[in-house]
Amino acid sequence: MPISSLMVGALCTAAGTIVSLKSTRRNRGVNIFEVILHDGKGYLRVKWFNQPYMQRNVSVGQELVVSGVVRKNTYSLPPIEMDSPSMKSCLMTKSHQSMPSGSSLSIGLPRDQSEAIQKAHV
């Protein structure tokens, strides 16, 4: 589904290219890792809490498929976001050059859902 078509409050799946990533530490030691996805039509902020290892698993220019509940972002742009969605990496990046062609990184998805997203995206 194009990012520009995502509905606030709905459980959605969207794909996009990482254009920005940031890791911050908030009050009481909460780590927040954020990426901004762009699909050519819209932007989506994606956040994971207390998962600092995520920064080692993704990079700018990498394509991701995320599934989660879309929320309105009232504090900054882009205007929509997902908190702690399931994620699938679809493209091999420089950090994954040792992986065989066609391999991908899957985090947080059940195997059958992960395979279905991979088939739908190819």
PDB file of N, CA and C in Angstrom:
ATOM      1  N   MET A   1       0.848  -1.170   0.000  1.00  0.00           N
ATOM      2  CA  MET A   1       0.000   0.000   0.000  1.00  0.00           C
ATOM      3  C   MET A   1       0.900   1.242   0.000  1.00  0.00           C
ATOM      4  N   PRO A   2       0.652   2.218  -0.868  1.00  0.00           N
ATOM      5  CA  PRO A   2       1.460   3.446  -0.864  1.00  0.00           C
ATOM      6  C   PRO A   2       1.347   4.166   0.482  1.00  0.00           C
ATOM      7  N   ILE A   3       2.440   4.752   0.929  1.00  0.00           N
ATOM      8  CA  ILE A   3       2.444   5.453   2.208  1.00  0.00           C
ATOM      9  C   ILE A   3       1.398   6.560   2.220  1.00  0.00           C
ATOM     10  N   SER A   4       1.202   7.237   1.113  1.00  0.00           N
ATOM     11  CA  SER A   4       0.222   8.331   1.061  1.00  0.00           C
ATOM     12  C   SER A   4      -1.207   7.841   1.249  1.00  0.00           C
ATOM     13  N   SER A   5      -1.449   6.533   1.118  1.00  0.00           N
ATOM     14  CA  SER A   5      -2.793   5.966   1.269  1.00  0.00           C
ATOM     15  C   SER A   5      -3.048   5.350   2.645  1.00  0.00           C
ATOM     16  N   LEU A   6      -2.049   5.369   3.531  1.00  0.00           N
ATOM     17  CA  LEU A   6      -2.219   4.757   4.846  1.00  0.00           C
ATOM     18  C   LEU A   6      -3.266   5.500   5.661  1.00  0.00           C
ATOM     19  N   MET A   7      -4.084   4.747   6.379  1.00  0.00           N
ATOM     20  CA  MET A   7      -5.157   5.314   7.189  1.00  0.00           C
ATOM     21  C   MET A   7      -4.763   5.268   8.667  1.00  0.00           C
ATOM     22  N   VAL A   8      -4.881   6.404   9.357  1.00  0.00           N
ATOM     23  CA  VAL A   8      -4.588   6.477  10.783  1.00  0.00           C
ATOM     24  C   VAL A   8      -5.520   5.525  11.539  1.00  0.00           C
ATOM     25  N   GLY A   9      -4.946   4.730  12.435  1.00  0.00           N
ATOM     26  CA  GLY A   9      -5.707   3.783  13.236  1.00  0.00           C
ATOM     27  C   GLY A   9      -5.828   2.401  12.633  1.00  0.00           C
ATOM     28  N   ALA A  10      -5.435   2.253  11.376  1.00  0.00           N
ATOM     29  CA  ALA A  10      -5.553   0.967  10.689  1.00  0.00           C
ATOM     30  C   ALA A  10      -4.252   0.174  10.797  1.00  0.00           C
ATOM     31  N   LEU A  11      -4.384  -1.142  10.787  1.00  0.00           N
ATOM     32  CA  LEU A  11      -3.232  -2.035  10.710  1.00  0.00           C
ATOM     33  C   LEU A  11      -2.860  -2.133   9.240  1.00  0.00           C
ATOM     34  N   CYS A  12      -1.685  -1.647   8.878  1.00  0.00           N
ATOM     35  CA  CYS A  12      -1.285  -1.558   7.468  1.00  0.00           C
ATOM     36  C   CYS A  12       0.114  -2.108   7.256  1.00  0.00           C
ATOM     37  N   THR A  13       0.397  -2.429   6.005  1.00  0.00           N
ATOM     38  CA  THR A  13       1.726  -2.813   5.564  1.00  0.00           C
ATOM     39  C   THR A  13       2.157  -1.820   4.497  1.00  0.00           C
ATOM     40  N   ALA A  14       3.372  -1.300   4.640  1.00  0.00           N
ATOM     41  CA  ALA A  14       3.889  -0.323   3.686  1.00  0.00           C
ATOM     42  C   ALA A  14       5.344  -0.631   3.400  1.00  0.00           C
ATOM     43  N   ALA A  15       5.788  -0.264   2.214  1.00  0.00           N
ATOM     44  CA  ALA A  15       7.180  -0.448   1.809  1.00  0.00           C
ATOM     45  C   ALA A  15       7.771   0.891   1.430  1.00  0.00           C
ATOM     46  N   GLY A  16       9.049   1.061   1.708  1.00  0.00           N
ATOM     47  CA  GLY A  16       9.716   2.295   1.335  1.00  0.00           C
ATOM     48  C   GLY A  16      11.214   2.159   1.519  1.00  0.00           C
ATOM     49  N   THR A  17      11.919   3.181   1.077  1.00  0.00           N
ATOM     50  CA  THR A  17      13.362   3.246   1.187  1.00  0.00           C
ATOM     51  C   THR A  17      13.729   4.126   2.367  1.00  0.00           C
ATOM     52  N   ILE A  18      14.685   3.685   3.164  1.00  0.00           N
ATOM     53  CA  ILE A  18      15.130   4.479   4.305  1.00  0.00           C
ATOM     54  C   ILE A  18      15.871   5.711   3.791  1.00  0.00           C
ATOM     55  N   VAL A  19      15.372   6.901   4.171  1.00  0.00           N
ATOM     56  CA  VAL A  19      16.033   8.143   3.789  1.00  0.00           C
ATOM     57  C   VAL A  19      16.710   8.816   4.978  1.00  0.00           C
ATOM     58  N   SER A  20      16.371   8.363   6.198  1.00  0.00           N
ATOM     59  CA  SER A  20      16.960   8.939   7.393  1.00  0.00           C
ATOM     60  C   SER A  20      16.864   7.935   8.529  1.00  0.00           C
ATOM     61  N   LEU A  21      17.869   7.947   9.407  1.00  0.00           N
ATOM     62  CA  LEU A  21      17.773   7.139  10.617  1.00  0.00           C
ATOM     63  C   LEU A  21      18.432   7.880  11.763  1.00  0.00           C
ATOM     64  N   LYS A  22      17.910   7.632  12.973  1.00  0.00           N
ATOM     65  CA  LYS A  22      18.373   8.356  14.151  1.00  0.00           C
ATOM     66  C   LYS A  22      18.149   7.495  15.387  1.00  0.00           C
ATOM     67  N   SER A  23      19.097   7.562  16.306  1.00  0.00           N
ATOM     68  CA  SER A  23      18.967   6.861  17.574  1.00  0.00           C
ATOM     69  C   SER A  23      19.105   7.895  18.686  1.00  0.00           C
ATOM     70  N   THR A  24      18.163   7.899  19.632  1.00  0.00           N
ATOM     71  CA  THR A  24      18.205   8.840  20.746  1.00  0.00           C
ATOM     72  C   THR A  24      17.972   8.096  22.050  1.00  0.00           C
ATOM     73  N   ARG A  25      18.431   8.703  23.131  1.00  0.00           N
ATOM     74  CA  ARG A  25      18.203   8.157  24.461  1.00  0.00           C
ATOM     75  C   ARG A  25      17.371   9.169  25.225  1.00  0.00           C
ATOM     76  N   ARG A  26      16.230   8.752  25.704  1.00  0.00           N
ATOM     77  CA  ARG A  26      15.299   9.638  26.405  1.00  0.00           C
ATOM     78  C   ARG A  26      15.398   9.453  27.906  1.00  0.00           C
ATOM     79  N   ASN A  27      14.516  10.143  28.625  1.00  0.00           N
ATOM     80  CA  ASN A  27      14.453  10.047  30.087  1.00  0.00           C
ATOM     81  C   ASN A  27      14.349   8.593  30.529  1.00  0.00           C
ATOM     82  N   ARG A  28      14.906   8.329  31.673  1.00  0.00           N
ATOM     83  CA  ARG A  28      14.856   7.003  32.295  1.00  0.00           C
ATOM     84  C   ARG A  28      15.500   5.917  31.438  1.00  0.00           C
ATOM     85  N   GLY A  29      16.410   6.298  30.546  1.00  0.00           N
ATOM     86  CA  GLY A  29      17.163   5.312  29.778  1.00  0.00           C
ATOM     87  C   GLY A  29      16.446   4.676  28.607  1.00  0.00           C
ATOM     88  N   VAL A  30      15.331   5.247  28.144  1.00  0.00           N
ATOM     89  CA  VAL A  30      14.598   4.684  27.015  1.00  0.00           C
ATOM     90  C   VAL A  30      15.338   5.029  25.720  1.00  0.00           C
ATOM     91  N   ASN A  31      15.725   4.007  24.974  1.00  0.00           N
ATOM     92  CA  ASN A  31      16.360   4.192  23.670  1.00  0.00           C
ATOM     93  C   ASN A  31      15.289   4.171  22.592  1.00  0.00           C
ATOM     94  N   ILE A  32      15.338   5.148  21.677  1.00  0.00           N
ATOM     95  CA  ILE A  32      14.391   5.192  20.562  1.00  0.00           C
ATOM     96  C   ILE A  32      15.193   5.198  19.272  1.00  0.00           C
ATOM     97  N   PHE A  33      14.902   4.243  18.410  1.00  0.00           N
ATOM     98  CA  PHE A  33      15.524   4.186  17.090  1.00  0.00           C
ATOM     99  C   PHE A  33      14.450   4.518  16.060  1.00  0.00           C
ATOM    100  N   GLU A  34      14.699   5.519  15.232  1.00  0.00           N
ATOM    101  CA  GLU A  34      13.723   5.976  14.245  1.00  0.00           C
ATOM    102  C   GLU A  34      14.298   5.905  12.836  1.00  0.00           C
ATOM    103  N   VAL A  35      13.454   5.550  11.890  1.00  0.00           N
ATOM    104  CA  VAL A  35      13.788   5.663  10.476  1.00  0.00           C
ATOM    105  C   VAL A  35      12.658   6.409   9.782  1.00  0.00           C
ATOM    106  N   ILE A  36      12.995   7.091   8.712  1.00  0.00           N
ATOM    107  CA  ILE A  36      11.995   7.713   7.851  1.00  0.00           C
ATOM    108  C   ILE A  36      12.015   6.928   6.544  1.00  0.00           C
ATOM    109  N   LEU A  37      10.846   6.411   6.164  1.00  0.00           N
ATOM    110  CA  LEU A  37      10.695   5.689   4.901  1.00  0.00           C
ATOM    111  C   LEU A  37      10.053   6.592   3.868  1.00  0.00           C
ATOM    112  N   HIS A  38      10.471   6.439   2.612  1.00  0.00           N
ATOM    113  CA  HIS A  38       9.888   7.184   1.499  1.00  0.00           C
ATOM    114  C   HIS A  38       9.624   6.210   0.355  1.00  0.00           C
ATOM    115  N   ASP A  39       8.437   6.288  -0.225  1.00  0.00           N
ATOM    116  CA  ASP A  39       8.100   5.384  -1.331  1.00  0.00           C
ATOM    117  C   ASP A  39       7.876   6.120  -2.646  1.00  0.00           C
ATOM    118  N   GLY A  40       8.299   7.382  -2.720  1.00  0.00           N
ATOM    119  CA  GLY A  40       8.103   8.166  -3.928  1.00  0.00           C
ATOM    120  C   GLY A  40       6.832   8.997  -3.876  1.00  0.00           C
ATOM    121  N   LYS A  41       5.924   8.664  -2.974  1.00  0.00           N
ATOM    122  CA  LYS A  41       4.651   9.398  -2.856  1.00  0.00           C
ATOM    123  C   LYS A  41       4.413   9.959  -1.462  1.00  0.00           C
ATOM    124  N   GLY A  42       5.096   9.409  -0.451  1.00  0.00           N
ATOM    125  CA  GLY A  42       4.886   9.877   0.908  1.00  0.00           C
ATOM    126  C   GLY A  42       5.995   9.419   1.834  1.00  0.00           C
ATOM    127  N   TYR A  43       5.961   9.950   3.057  1.00  0.00           N
ATOM    128  CA  TYR A  43       6.956   9.636   4.071  1.00  0.00           C
ATOM    129  C   TYR A  43       6.267   9.037   5.292  1.00  0.00           C
ATOM    130  N   LEU A  44       6.960   8.118   5.967  1.00  0.00           N
ATOM    131  CA  LEU A  44       6.447   7.460   7.156  1.00  0.00           C
ATOM    132  C   LEU A  44       7.569   7.374   8.182  1.00  0.00           C
ATOM    133  N   ARG A  45       7.295   7.863   9.403  1.00  0.00           N
ATOM    134  CA  ARG A  45       8.250   7.729  10.510  1.00  0.00           C
ATOM    135  C   ARG A  45       7.976   6.390  11.195  1.00  0.00           C
ATOM    136  N   VAL A  46       9.032   5.630  11.445  1.00  0.00           N
ATOM    137  CA  VAL A  46       8.910   4.322  12.087  1.00  0.00           C
ATOM    138  C   VAL A  46       9.825   4.327  13.311  1.00  0.00           C
ATOM    139  N   LYS A  47       9.280   3.931  14.484  1.00  0.00           N
ATOM    140  CA  LYS A  47      10.049   3.956  15.731  1.00  0.00           C
ATOM    141  C   LYS A  47      10.071   2.586  16.390  1.00  0.00           C
ATOM    142  N   TRP A  48      11.237   2.264  16.981  1.00  0.00           N
ATOM    143  CA  TRP A  48      11.365   1.074  17.822  1.00  0.00           C
ATOM    144  C   TRP A  48      11.930   1.540  19.159  1.00  0.00           C
ATOM    145  N   PHE A  49      11.396   1.015  20.253  1.00  0.00           N
ATOM    146  CA  PHE A  49      11.808   1.408  21.590  1.00  0.00           C
ATOM    147  C   PHE A  49      12.682   0.327  22.228  1.00  0.00           C
ATOM    148  N   ASN A  50      13.778   0.767  22.863  1.00  0.00           N
ATOM    149  CA  ASN A  50      14.703  -0.115  23.578  1.00  0.00           C
ATOM    150  C   ASN A  50      15.203  -1.282  22.726  1.00  0.00           C
ATOM    151  N   GLN A  51      15.509  -0.985  21.469  1.00  0.00           N
ATOM    152  CA  GLN A  51      16.084  -1.977  20.561  1.00  0.00           C
ATOM    153  C   GLN A  51      17.275  -1.353  19.826  1.00  0.00           C
ATOM    154  N   PRO A  52      18.333  -0.968  20.565  1.00  0.00           N
ATOM    155  CA  PRO A  52      19.462  -0.266  19.937  1.00  0.00           C
ATOM    156  C   PRO A  52      20.181  -1.084  18.869  1.00  0.00           C
ATOM    157  N   TYR A  53      20.058  -2.409  18.910  1.00  0.00           N
ATOM    158  CA  TYR A  53      20.692  -3.257  17.893  1.00  0.00           C
ATOM    159  C   TYR A  53      20.112  -3.014  16.500  1.00  0.00           C
ATOM    160  N   MET A  54      18.908  -2.421  16.436  1.00  0.00           N
ATOM    161  CA  MET A  54      18.280  -2.159  15.137  1.00  0.00           C
ATOM    162  C   MET A  54      19.187  -1.301  14.250  1.00  0.00           C
ATOM    163  N   GLN A  55      19.936  -0.397  14.853  1.00  0.00           N
ATOM    164  CA  GLN A  55      20.795   0.491  14.081  1.00  0.00           C
ATOM    165  C   GLN A  55      21.849  -0.287  13.298  1.00  0.00           C
ATOM    166  N   ARG A  56      22.261  -1.431  13.788  1.00  0.00           N
ATOM    167  CA  ARG A  56      23.253  -2.250  13.079  1.00  0.00           C
ATOM    168  C   ARG A  56      22.623  -3.046  11.936  1.00  0.00           C
ATOM    169  N   ASN A  57      21.299  -3.168  11.933  1.00  0.00           N
ATOM    170  CA  ASN A  57      20.620  -4.026  10.955  1.00  0.00           C
ATOM    171  C   ASN A  57      20.049  -3.291   9.752  1.00  0.00           C
ATOM    172  N   VAL A  58      20.009  -1.972   9.792  1.00  0.00           N
ATOM    173  CA  VAL A  58      19.455  -1.212   8.676  1.00  0.00           C
ATOM    174  C   VAL A  58      20.370  -0.045   8.332  1.00  0.00           C
ATOM    175  N   SER A  59      20.235   0.477   7.109  1.00  0.00           N
ATOM    176  CA  SER A  59      21.046   1.614   6.680  1.00  0.00           C
ATOM    177  C   SER A  59      20.270   2.453   5.671  1.00  0.00           C
ATOM    178  N   VAL A  60      20.700   3.696   5.509  1.00  0.00           N
ATOM    179  CA  VAL A  60      20.081   4.593   4.538  1.00  0.00           C
ATOM    180  C   VAL A  60      20.205   3.965   3.153  1.00  0.00           C
ATOM    181  N   GLY A  61      19.127   4.018   2.394  1.00  0.00           N
ATOM    182  CA  GLY A  61      19.088   3.445   1.054  1.00  0.00           C
ATOM    183  C   GLY A  61      18.519   2.042   1.014  1.00  0.00           C
ATOM    184  N   GLN A  62      18.387   1.412   2.162  1.00  0.00           N
ATOM    185  CA  GLN A  62      17.838   0.058   2.241  1.00  0.00           C
ATOM    186  C   GLN A  62      16.315   0.125   2.159  1.00  0.00           C
ATOM    187  N   GLU A  63      15.724  -0.850   1.521  1.00  0.00           N
ATOM    188  CA  GLU A  63      14.265  -0.902   1.415  1.00  0.00           C
ATOM    189  C   GLU A  63      13.698  -1.787   2.515  1.00  0.00           C
ATOM    190  N   LEU A  64      12.624  -1.301   3.156  1.00  0.00           N
ATOM    191  CA  LEU A  64      11.971  -2.041   4.229  1.00  0.00           C
ATOM    192  C   LEU A  64      10.485  -2.189   3.942  1.00  0.00           C
ATOM    193  N   VAL A  65       9.930  -3.278   4.429  1.00  0.00           N
ATOM    194  CA  VAL A  65       8.486  -3.466   4.471  1.00  0.00           C
ATOM    195  C   VAL A  65       8.139  -3.526   5.948  1.00  0.00           C
ATOM    196  N   VAL A  66       7.210  -2.669   6.391  1.00  0.00           N
ATOM    197  CA  VAL A  66       6.811  -2.629   7.791  1.00  0.00           C
ATOM    198  C   VAL A  66       5.313  -2.868   7.906  1.00  0.00           C
ATOM    199  N   SER A  67       4.919  -3.523   8.998  1.00  0.00           N
ATOM    200  CA  SER A  67       3.508  -3.779   9.272  1.00  0.00           C
ATOM    201  C   SER A  67       3.213  -3.358  10.697  1.00  0.00           C
ATOM    202  N   GLY A  68       2.179  -2.525  10.856  1.00  0.00           N
ATOM    203  CA  GLY A  68       1.805  -2.064  12.187  1.00  0.00           C
ATOM    204  C   GLY A  68       0.622  -1.129  12.116  1.00  0.00           C
ATOM    205  N   VAL A  69       0.262  -0.601  13.270  1.00  0.00           N
ATOM    206  CA  VAL A  69      -0.849   0.341  13.355  1.00  0.00           C
ATOM    207  C   VAL A  69      -0.318   1.736  13.053  1.00  0.00           C
ATOM    208  N   VAL A  70      -0.982   2.434  12.151  1.00  0.00           N
ATOM    209  CA  VAL A  70      -0.593   3.781  11.748  1.00  0.00           C
ATOM    210  C   VAL A  70      -1.153   4.774  12.763  1.00  0.00           C
ATOM    211  N   ARG A  71      -0.284   5.674  13.225  1.00  0.00           N
ATOM    212  CA  ARG A  71      -0.700   6.713  14.167  1.00  0.00           C
ATOM    213  C   ARG A  71      -0.438   8.082  13.575  1.00  0.00           C
ATOM    214  N   LYS A  72      -1.208   9.065  14.039  1.00  0.00           N
ATOM    215  CA  LYS A  72      -0.985  10.449  13.637  1.00  0.00           C
ATOM    216  C   LYS A  72       0.195  10.980  14.427  1.00  0.00           C
ATOM    217  N   ASN A  73       1.126  11.626  13.759  1.00  0.00           N
ATOM    218  CA  ASN A  73       2.296  12.222  14.389  1.00  0.00           C
ATOM    219  C   ASN A  73       2.018  13.714  14.538  1.00  0.00           C
ATOM    220  N   THR A  74       1.749  14.163  15.744  1.00  0.00           N
ATOM    221  CA  THR A  74       1.389  15.562  15.966  1.00  0.00           C
ATOM    222  C   THR A  74       2.573  16.438  16.340  1.00  0.00           C
ATOM    223  N   TYR A  75       3.761  15.842  16.517  1.00  0.00           N
ATOM    224  CA  TYR A  75       4.909  16.598  16.991  1.00  0.00           C
ATOM    225  C   TYR A  75       5.856  17.063  15.899  1.00  0.00           C
ATOM    226  N   SER A  76       5.931  16.326  14.802  1.00  0.00           N
ATOM    227  CA  SER A  76       6.884  16.668  13.751  1.00  0.00           C
ATOM    228  C   SER A  76       6.434  16.031  12.439  1.00  0.00           C
ATOM    229  N   LEU A  77       7.156  16.323  11.391  1.00  0.00           N
ATOM    230  CA  LEU A  77       6.878  15.703  10.099  1.00  0.00           C
ATOM    231  C   LEU A  77       7.707  14.439   9.987  1.00  0.00           C
ATOM    232  N   PRO A  78       7.292  13.453   9.259  1.00  0.00           N
ATOM    233  CA  PRO A  78       6.044  13.331   8.511  1.00  0.00           C
ATOM    234  C   PRO A  78       4.840  13.161   9.450  1.00  0.00           C
ATOM    235  N   PRO A  79       3.629  13.402   8.927  1.00  0.00           N
ATOM    236  CA  PRO A  79       2.434  13.427   9.773  1.00  0.00           C
ATOM    237  C   PRO A  79       1.925  12.064  10.236  1.00  0.00           C
ATOM    238  N   ILE A  80       2.497  10.964   9.747  1.00  0.00           N
ATOM    239  CA  ILE A  80       2.064   9.633  10.188  1.00  0.00           C
ATOM    240  C   ILE A  80       3.275   8.827  10.624  1.00  0.00           C
ATOM    241  N   GLU A  81       3.031   7.854  11.538  1.00  0.00           N
ATOM    242  CA  GLU A  81       4.116   7.035  12.057  1.00  0.00           C
ATOM    243  C   GLU A  81       3.604   5.671  12.478  1.00  0.00           C
ATOM    244  N   MET A  82       4.542   4.756  12.690  1.00  0.00           N
ATOM    245  CA  MET A  82       4.268   3.437  13.265  1.00  0.00           C
ATOM    246  C   MET A  82       5.238   3.234  14.410  1.00  0.00           C
ATOM    247  N   ASP A  83       4.736   2.707  15.527  1.00  0.00           N
ATOM    248  CA  ASP A  83       5.585   2.384  16.665  1.00  0.00           C
ATOM    249  C   ASP A  83       5.791   0.880  16.735  1.00  0.00           C
ATOM    250  N   SER A  84       7.042   0.464  16.790  1.00  0.00           N
ATOM    251  CA  SER A  84       7.443  -0.944  16.938  1.00  0.00           C
ATOM    252  C   SER A  84       6.745  -1.888  15.962  1.00  0.00           C
ATOM    253  N   PRO A  85       6.773  -1.567  14.657  1.00  0.00           N
ATOM    254  CA  PRO A  85       6.133  -2.475  13.703  1.00  0.00           C
ATOM    255  C   PRO A  85       6.988  -3.711  13.438  1.00  0.00           C
ATOM    256  N   SER A  86       6.371  -4.710  12.838  1.00  0.00           N
ATOM    257  CA  SER A  86       7.127  -5.832  12.289  1.00  0.00           C
ATOM    258  C   SER A  86       7.856  -5.297  11.072  1.00  0.00           C
ATOM    259  N   MET A  87       9.013  -5.870  10.760  1.00  0.00           N
ATOM    260  CA  MET A  87       9.837  -5.317   9.692  1.00  0.00           C
ATOM    261  C   MET A  87      10.437  -6.417   8.844  1.00  0.00           C
ATOM    262  N   LYS A  88      10.594  -6.124   7.561  1.00  0.00           N
ATOM    263  CA  LYS A  88      11.257  -7.020   6.615  1.00  0.00           C
ATOM    264  C   LYS A  88      12.179  -6.178   5.752  1.00  0.00           C
ATOM    265  N   SER A  89      13.442  -6.547   5.665  1.00  0.00           N
ATOM    266  CA  SER A  89      14.387  -5.875   4.790  1.00  0.00           C
ATOM    267  C   SER A  89      14.374  -6.594   3.455  1.00  0.00           C
ATOM    268  N   CYS A  90      14.253  -5.833   2.375  1.00  0.00           N
ATOM    269  CA  CYS A  90      14.087  -6.462   1.059  1.00  0.00           C
ATOM    270  C   CYS A  90      15.291  -6.350   0.146  1.00  0.00           C
ATOM    271  N   LEU A  91      16.183  -5.439   0.401  1.00  0.00           N
ATOM    272  CA  LEU A  91      17.319  -5.272  -0.501  1.00  0.00           C
ATOM    273  C   LEU A  91      18.622  -5.547   0.218  1.00  0.00           C
ATOM    274  N   MET A  92      19.555  -6.100  -0.504  1.00  0.00           N
ATOM    275  CA  MET A  92      20.874  -6.331   0.048  1.00  0.00           C
ATOM    276  C   MET A  92      21.624  -5.001   0.027  1.00  0.00           C
ATOM    277  N   THR A  93      22.229  -4.620   1.127  1.00  0.00           N
ATOM    278  CA  THR A  93      22.977  -3.376   1.222  1.00  0.00           C
ATOM    279  C   THR A  93      24.454  -3.698   1.374  1.00  0.00           C
ATOM    280  N   LYS A  94      25.289  -2.660   1.419  1.00  0.00           N
ATOM    281  CA  LYS A  94      26.723  -2.864   1.571  1.00  0.00           C
ATOM    282  C   LYS A  94      27.040  -3.683   2.811  1.00  0.00           C
ATOM    283  N   SER A  95      26.300  -3.463   3.895  1.00  0.00           N
ATOM    284  CA  SER A  95      26.582  -4.191   5.126  1.00  0.00           C
ATOM    285  C   SER A  95      26.173  -5.656   5.039  1.00  0.00           C
ATOM    286  N   HIS A  96      25.415  -6.021   4.015  1.00  0.00           N
ATOM    287  CA  HIS A  96      24.967  -7.403   3.851  1.00  0.00           C
ATOM    288  C   HIS A  96      25.555  -8.057   2.603  1.00  0.00           C
ATOM    289  N   GLN A  97      26.703  -7.548   2.097  1.00  0.00           N
ATOM    290  CA  GLN A  97      27.272  -8.068   0.865  1.00  0.00           C
ATOM    291  C   GLN A  97      27.698  -9.522   0.976  1.00  0.00           C
ATOM    292  N   SER A  98      27.956  -9.993   2.176  1.00  0.00           N
ATOM    293  CA  SER A  98      28.381 -11.383   2.308  1.00  0.00           C
ATOM    294  C   SER A  98      27.206 -12.355   2.248  1.00  0.00           C
ATOM    295  N   MET A  99      25.988 -11.828   2.264  1.00  0.00           N
ATOM    296  CA  MET A  99      24.810 -12.683   2.180  1.00  0.00           C
ATOM    297  C   MET A  99      24.591 -13.117   0.742  1.00  0.00           C
ATOM    298  N   PRO A 100      24.090 -14.317   0.503  1.00  0.00           N
ATOM    299  CA  PRO A 100      23.824 -14.759  -0.860  1.00  0.00           C
ATOM    300  C   PRO A 100      22.780 -13.873  -1.530  1.00  0.00           C
ATOM    301  N   SER A 101      22.858 -13.743  -2.838  1.00  0.00           N
ATOM    302  CA  SER A 101      21.889 -12.960  -3.586  1.00  0.00           C
ATOM    303  C   SER A 101      20.474 -13.444  -3.302  1.00  0.00           C
ATOM    304  N   GLY A 102      19.558 -12.483  -3.107  1.00  0.00           N
ATOM    305  CA  GLY A 102      18.168 -12.837  -2.827  1.00  0.00           C
ATOM    306  C   GLY A 102      17.888 -13.029  -1.352  1.00  0.00           C
ATOM    307  N   SER A 103      18.925 -12.977  -0.503  1.00  0.00           N
ATOM    308  CA  SER A 103      18.722 -13.122   0.933  1.00  0.00           C
ATOM    309  C   SER A 103      18.147 -11.835   1.489  1.00  0.00           C
ATOM    310  N   SER A 104      17.508 -11.936   2.641  1.00  0.00           N
ATOM    311  CA  SER A 104      16.993 -10.751   3.298  1.00  0.00           C
ATOM    312  C   SER A 104      17.015 -10.941   4.796  1.00  0.00           C
ATOM    313  N   LEU A 105      16.911  -9.853   5.501  1.00  0.00           N
ATOM    314  CA  LEU A 105      16.910  -9.844   6.950  1.00  0.00           C
ATOM    315  C   LEU A 105      15.482  -9.714   7.430  1.00  0.00           C
ATOM    316  N   SER A 106      15.055 -10.574   8.322  1.00  0.00           N
ATOM    317  CA  SER A 106      13.689 -10.515   8.838  1.00  0.00           C
ATOM    318  C   SER A 106      13.732 -10.363  10.347  1.00  0.00           C
ATOM    319  N   ILE A 107      13.038  -9.352  10.836  1.00  0.00           N
ATOM    320  CA  ILE A 107      13.000  -9.100  12.264  1.00  0.00           C
ATOM    321  C   ILE A 107      11.553  -8.973  12.696  1.00  0.00           C
ATOM    322  N   GLY A 108      11.119  -9.804  13.612  1.00  0.00           N
ATOM    323  CA  GLY A 108       9.813  -9.639  14.220  1.00  0.00           C
ATOM    324  C   GLY A 108       8.637 -10.184  13.450  1.00  0.00           C
ATOM    325  N   LEU A 109       8.848 -10.901  12.363  1.00  0.00           N
ATOM    326  CA  LEU A 109       7.742 -11.454  11.595  1.00  0.00           C
ATOM    327  C   LEU A 109       7.710 -12.966  11.721  1.00  0.00           C
ATOM    328  N   PRO A 110       6.523 -13.535  11.873  1.00  0.00           N
ATOM    329  CA  PRO A 110       6.435 -14.993  11.804  1.00  0.00           C
ATOM    330  C   PRO A 110       6.895 -15.468  10.438  1.00  0.00           C
ATOM    331  N   ARG A 111       7.448 -16.658  10.353  1.00  0.00           N
ATOM    332  CA  ARG A 111       8.029 -17.158   9.105  1.00  0.00           C
ATOM    333  C   ARG A 111       7.044 -17.112   7.934  1.00  0.00           C
ATOM    334  N   ASP A 112       5.787 -17.567   8.132  1.00  0.00           N
ATOM    335  CA  ASP A 112       4.839 -17.587   7.019  1.00  0.00           C
ATOM    336  C   ASP A 112       4.495 -16.177   6.553  1.00  0.00           C
ATOM    337  N   GLN A 113       4.372 -15.218   7.486  1.00  0.00           N
ATOM    338  CA  GLN A 113       4.082 -13.845   7.094  1.00  0.00           C
ATOM    339  C   GLN A 113       5.282 -13.234   6.384  1.00  0.00           C
ATOM    340  N   SER A 114       6.474 -13.543   6.866  1.00  0.00           N
ATOM    341  CA  SER A 114       7.687 -13.053   6.253  1.00  0.00           C
ATOM    342  C   SER A 114       7.814 -13.537   4.810  1.00  0.00           C
ATOM    343  N   GLU A 115       7.539 -14.813   4.581  1.00  0.00           N
ATOM    344  CA  GLU A 115       7.603 -15.378   3.224  1.00  0.00           C
ATOM    345  C   GLU A 115       6.547 -14.784   2.316  1.00  0.00           C
ATOM    346  N   ALA A 116       5.357 -14.521   2.851  1.00  0.00           N
ATOM    347  CA  ALA A 116       4.284 -13.930   2.044  1.00  0.00           C
ATOM    348  C   ALA A 116       4.647 -12.513   1.604  1.00  0.00           C
ATOM    349  N   ILE A 117       5.250 -11.736   2.508  1.00  0.00           N
ATOM    350  CA  ILE A 117       5.657 -10.379   2.150  1.00  0.00           C
ATOM    351  C   ILE A 117       6.759 -10.415   1.112  1.00  0.00           C
ATOM    352  N   GLN A 118       7.706 -11.336   1.274  1.00  0.00           N
ATOM    353  CA  GLN A 118       8.801 -11.462   0.313  1.00  0.00           C
ATOM    354  C   GLN A 118       8.253 -11.784  -1.085  1.00  0.00           C
ATOM    355  N   LYS A 119       7.319 -12.723  -1.182  1.00  0.00           N
ATOM    356  CA  LYS A 119       6.749 -13.099  -2.478  1.00  0.00           C
ATOM    357  C   LYS A 119       5.970 -11.943  -3.078  1.00  0.00           C
ATOM    358  N   ALA A 120       5.223 -11.210  -2.271  1.00  0.00           N
ATOM    359  CA  ALA A 120       4.415 -10.104  -2.768  1.00  0.00           C
ATOM    360  C   ALA A 120       5.274  -8.954  -3.234  1.00  0.00           C
ATOM    361  N   HIS A 121       6.447  -8.812  -2.641  1.00  0.00           N
ATOM    362  CA  HIS A 121       7.303  -7.671  -2.980  1.00  0.00           C
ATOM    363  C   HIS A 121       8.166  -7.917  -4.191  1.00  0.00           C
ATOM    364  N   VAL A 122       8.405  -9.162  -4.557  1.00  0.00           N
ATOM    365  CA  VAL A 122       9.288  -9.489  -5.687  1.00  0.00           C
ATOM    366  C   VAL A 122       8.613  -9.312  -6.993  1.00  0.00           C
TER     367      VAL A 122
END
